[in-house]
Amino acid sequence: MSFDGCPSAVPTIQTDDEYIKITRWDFAPGAATGWHTHAWPYIVVMLTDAKMRLHDGKNITEADLKAGQAYKRPAGVTHDVMNGADAPMAFIEIEIKRPLS
């Protein structure tokens, strides 16, 4: 199973400077980000309850997440994220380019 051919999730960049990149992602049901790799470690904060599907190229995992829930991931992981629910899904993604000085 692949997420190829799914509608695209919509990224809205809120901040992008030398320290941090903050992007809001909005997903219609069945929408996906497309394959990508993060250059920096990042934090995701859910804005909605969600059934998130994550494809890492080998496996697809599914997680039921709640609005306000957060998780972190390291840089360098190639993946695709899909909304596996019948309702819209949204989250804020915070990429840490370098520590604030």
C-alpha atoms as a PDB file:
ATOM      1  CA  MET A   1       0.000   0.000   0.000  1.00  0.00           C
ATOM      2  CA  SER A   2       1.259   3.422  -0.921  1.00  0.00           C
ATOM      3  CA  PHE A   3      -0.127   6.899  -0.398  1.00  0.00           C
ATOM      4  CA  ASP A   4       0.745   7.842  -3.995  1.00  0.00           C
ATOM      5  CA  GLY A   5      -2.268   9.236  -5.860  1.00  0.00           C
ATOM      6  CA  CYS A   6      -3.884  10.668  -2.712  1.00  0.00           C
ATOM      7  CA  PRO A   7      -4.953  14.309  -2.620  1.00  0.00           C
ATOM      8  CA  SER A   8      -2.281  16.652  -1.255  1.00  0.00           C
ATOM      9  CA  ALA A   9      -2.250  18.035   2.264  1.00  0.00           C
ATOM     10  CA  VAL A  10      -1.924  21.831   2.418  1.00  0.00           C
ATOM     11  CA  PRO A  11       1.136  23.349   4.136  1.00  0.00           C
ATOM     12  CA  THR A  12       1.023  26.956   5.360  1.00  0.00           C
ATOM     13  CA  ILE A  13       4.386  28.298   6.498  1.00  0.00           C
ATOM     14  CA  GLN A  14       3.884  30.536   9.530  1.00  0.00           C
ATOM     15  CA  THR A  15       7.536  31.274  10.383  1.00  0.00           C
ATOM     16  CA  ASP A  16      10.783  30.493   8.599  1.00  0.00           C
ATOM     17  CA  ASP A  17      13.966  32.103   9.896  1.00  0.00           C
ATOM     18  CA  GLU A  18      17.508  31.065  10.774  1.00  0.00           C
ATOM     19  CA  TYR A  19      16.366  29.272  13.942  1.00  0.00           C
ATOM     20  CA  ILE A  20      13.023  27.642  13.293  1.00  0.00           C
ATOM     21  CA  LYS A  21      10.444  26.748  10.659  1.00  0.00           C
ATOM     22  CA  ILE A  22       6.805  26.491  11.722  1.00  0.00           C
ATOM     23  CA  THR A  23       4.302  24.994   9.287  1.00  0.00           C
ATOM     24  CA  ARG A  24       0.600  24.342   9.722  1.00  0.00           C
ATOM     25  CA  TRP A  25      -0.546  21.252   7.838  1.00  0.00           C
ATOM     26  CA  ASP A  26      -4.210  20.758   6.873  1.00  0.00           C
ATOM     27  CA  PHE A  27      -5.427  17.416   5.557  1.00  0.00           C
ATOM     28  CA  ALA A  28      -8.777  16.591   3.991  1.00  0.00           C
ATOM     29  CA  PRO A  29      -9.812  12.971   4.596  1.00  0.00           C
ATOM     30  CA  GLY A  30      -7.410  10.743   2.666  1.00  0.00           C
ATOM     31  CA  ALA A  31      -4.917  13.555   1.933  1.00  0.00           C
ATOM     32  CA  ALA A  32      -1.164  12.995   2.286  1.00  0.00           C
ATOM     33  CA  THR A  33       2.000  15.099   2.464  1.00  0.00           C
ATOM     34  CA  GLY A  34       3.896  13.180  -0.199  1.00  0.00           C
ATOM     35  CA  TRP A  35       7.346  11.697   0.364  1.00  0.00           C
ATOM     36  CA  HIS A  36       9.751  14.018   2.166  1.00  0.00           C
ATOM     37  CA  THR A  37      12.767  14.071   4.471  1.00  0.00           C
ATOM     38  CA  HIS A  38      13.256  16.584   7.275  1.00  0.00           C
ATOM     39  CA  ALA A  39      16.661  18.266   7.416  1.00  0.00           C
ATOM     40  CA  TRP A  40      16.144  19.208  11.080  1.00  0.00           C
ATOM     41  CA  PRO A  41      14.633  17.545  14.162  1.00  0.00           C
ATOM     42  CA  TYR A  42      11.010  18.523  14.617  1.00  0.00           C
ATOM     43  CA  ILE A  43       8.010  18.588  16.919  1.00  0.00           C
ATOM     44  CA  VAL A  44       4.401  18.023  15.859  1.00  0.00           C
ATOM     45  CA  VAL A  45       1.483  19.434  17.878  1.00  0.00           C
ATOM     46  CA  MET A  46      -1.957  18.141  16.908  1.00  0.00           C
ATOM     47  CA  LEU A  47      -4.689  20.744  16.381  1.00  0.00           C
ATOM     48  CA  THR A  48      -7.413  18.130  15.853  1.00  0.00           C
ATOM     49  CA  ASP A  49      -8.106  14.581  16.891  1.00  0.00           C
ATOM     50  CA  ALA A  50      -6.721  12.354  14.148  1.00  0.00           C
ATOM     51  CA  LYS A  51      -6.092   8.910  12.754  1.00  0.00           C
ATOM     52  CA  MET A  52      -2.619   9.491  11.304  1.00  0.00           C
ATOM     53  CA  ARG A  53      -1.037   7.004   8.946  1.00  0.00           C
ATOM     54  CA  LEU A  54       2.737   7.118   8.562  1.00  0.00           C
ATOM     55  CA  HIS A  55       4.571   5.338   5.737  1.00  0.00           C
ATOM     56  CA  ASP A  56       8.355   4.956   6.147  1.00  0.00           C
ATOM     57  CA  GLY A  57       8.968   3.164   2.845  1.00  0.00           C
ATOM     58  CA  LYS A  58       8.695  -0.284   4.398  1.00  0.00           C
ATOM     59  CA  ASN A  59       5.895  -0.150   6.944  1.00  0.00           C
ATOM     60  CA  ILE A  60       2.670   1.746   7.467  1.00  0.00           C
ATOM     61  CA  THR A  61       1.750   2.511  11.040  1.00  0.00           C
ATOM     62  CA  GLU A  62      -1.424   4.123  12.285  1.00  0.00           C
ATOM     63  CA  ALA A  63      -1.847   6.244  15.403  1.00  0.00           C
ATOM     64  CA  ASP A  64      -4.964   7.679  17.006  1.00  0.00           C
ATOM     65  CA  LEU A  65      -3.931  11.133  18.241  1.00  0.00           C
ATOM     66  CA  LYS A  66      -5.797  13.751  20.265  1.00  0.00           C
ATOM     67  CA  ALA A  67      -5.888  17.524  19.808  1.00  0.00           C
ATOM     68  CA  GLY A  68      -3.100  19.046  21.901  1.00  0.00           C
ATOM     69  CA  GLN A  69      -0.990  15.882  21.818  1.00  0.00           C
ATOM     70  CA  ALA A  70       2.633  16.377  20.702  1.00  0.00           C
ATOM     71  CA  TYR A  71       5.502  14.174  19.584  1.00  0.00           C
ATOM     72  CA  LYS A  72       9.069  14.634  18.325  1.00  0.00           C
ATOM     73  CA  ARG A  73      11.136  13.027  15.572  1.00  0.00           C
ATOM     74  CA  PRO A  74      14.778  13.202  14.544  1.00  0.00           C
ATOM     75  CA  ALA A  75      16.036  14.654  11.275  1.00  0.00           C
ATOM     76  CA  GLY A  76      16.698  12.424   8.280  1.00  0.00           C
ATOM     77  CA  VAL A  77      13.689  10.101   8.237  1.00  0.00           C
ATOM     78  CA  THR A  78      12.046   9.820   4.805  1.00  0.00           C
ATOM     79  CA  HIS A  79       8.291   9.337   5.137  1.00  0.00           C
ATOM     80  CA  ASP A  80       4.763  10.177   3.957  1.00  0.00           C
ATOM     81  CA  VAL A  81       1.914  11.167   6.292  1.00  0.00           C
ATOM     82  CA  MET A  82      -1.778  10.556   5.515  1.00  0.00           C
ATOM     83  CA  ASN A  83      -5.080  11.412   7.169  1.00  0.00           C
ATOM     84  CA  GLY A  84      -6.695   8.020   7.716  1.00  0.00           C
ATOM     85  CA  ALA A  85      -9.968   9.398   9.138  1.00  0.00           C
ATOM     86  CA  ASP A  86     -13.222  10.654   7.643  1.00  0.00           C
ATOM     87  CA  ALA A  87     -12.753  14.096   9.249  1.00  0.00           C
ATOM     88  CA  PRO A  88     -10.187  16.834   8.520  1.00  0.00           C
ATOM     89  CA  MET A  89      -6.846  16.627  10.331  1.00  0.00           C
ATOM     90  CA  ALA A  90      -4.480  19.489  11.197  1.00  0.00           C
ATOM     91  CA  PHE A  91      -1.215  19.917  13.063  1.00  0.00           C
ATOM     92  CA  ILE A  92       1.605  22.371  13.618  1.00  0.00           C
ATOM     93  CA  GLU A  93       5.102  21.174  12.699  1.00  0.00           C
ATOM     94  CA  ILE A  94       8.042  22.950  14.357  1.00  0.00           C
ATOM     95  CA  GLU A  95      11.438  22.253  12.788  1.00  0.00           C
ATOM     96  CA  ILE A  96      14.444  23.228  14.928  1.00  0.00           C
ATOM     97  CA  LYS A  97      17.179  24.570  12.639  1.00  0.00           C
ATOM     98  CA  ARG A  98      19.482  25.696  15.450  1.00  0.00           C
ATOM     99  CA  PRO A  99      19.129  26.621  19.107  1.00  0.00           C
ATOM    100  CA  LEU A 100      18.092  30.160  19.950  1.00  0.00           C
ATOM    101  CA  SER A 101      21.018  32.192  21.186  1.00  0.00           C
END
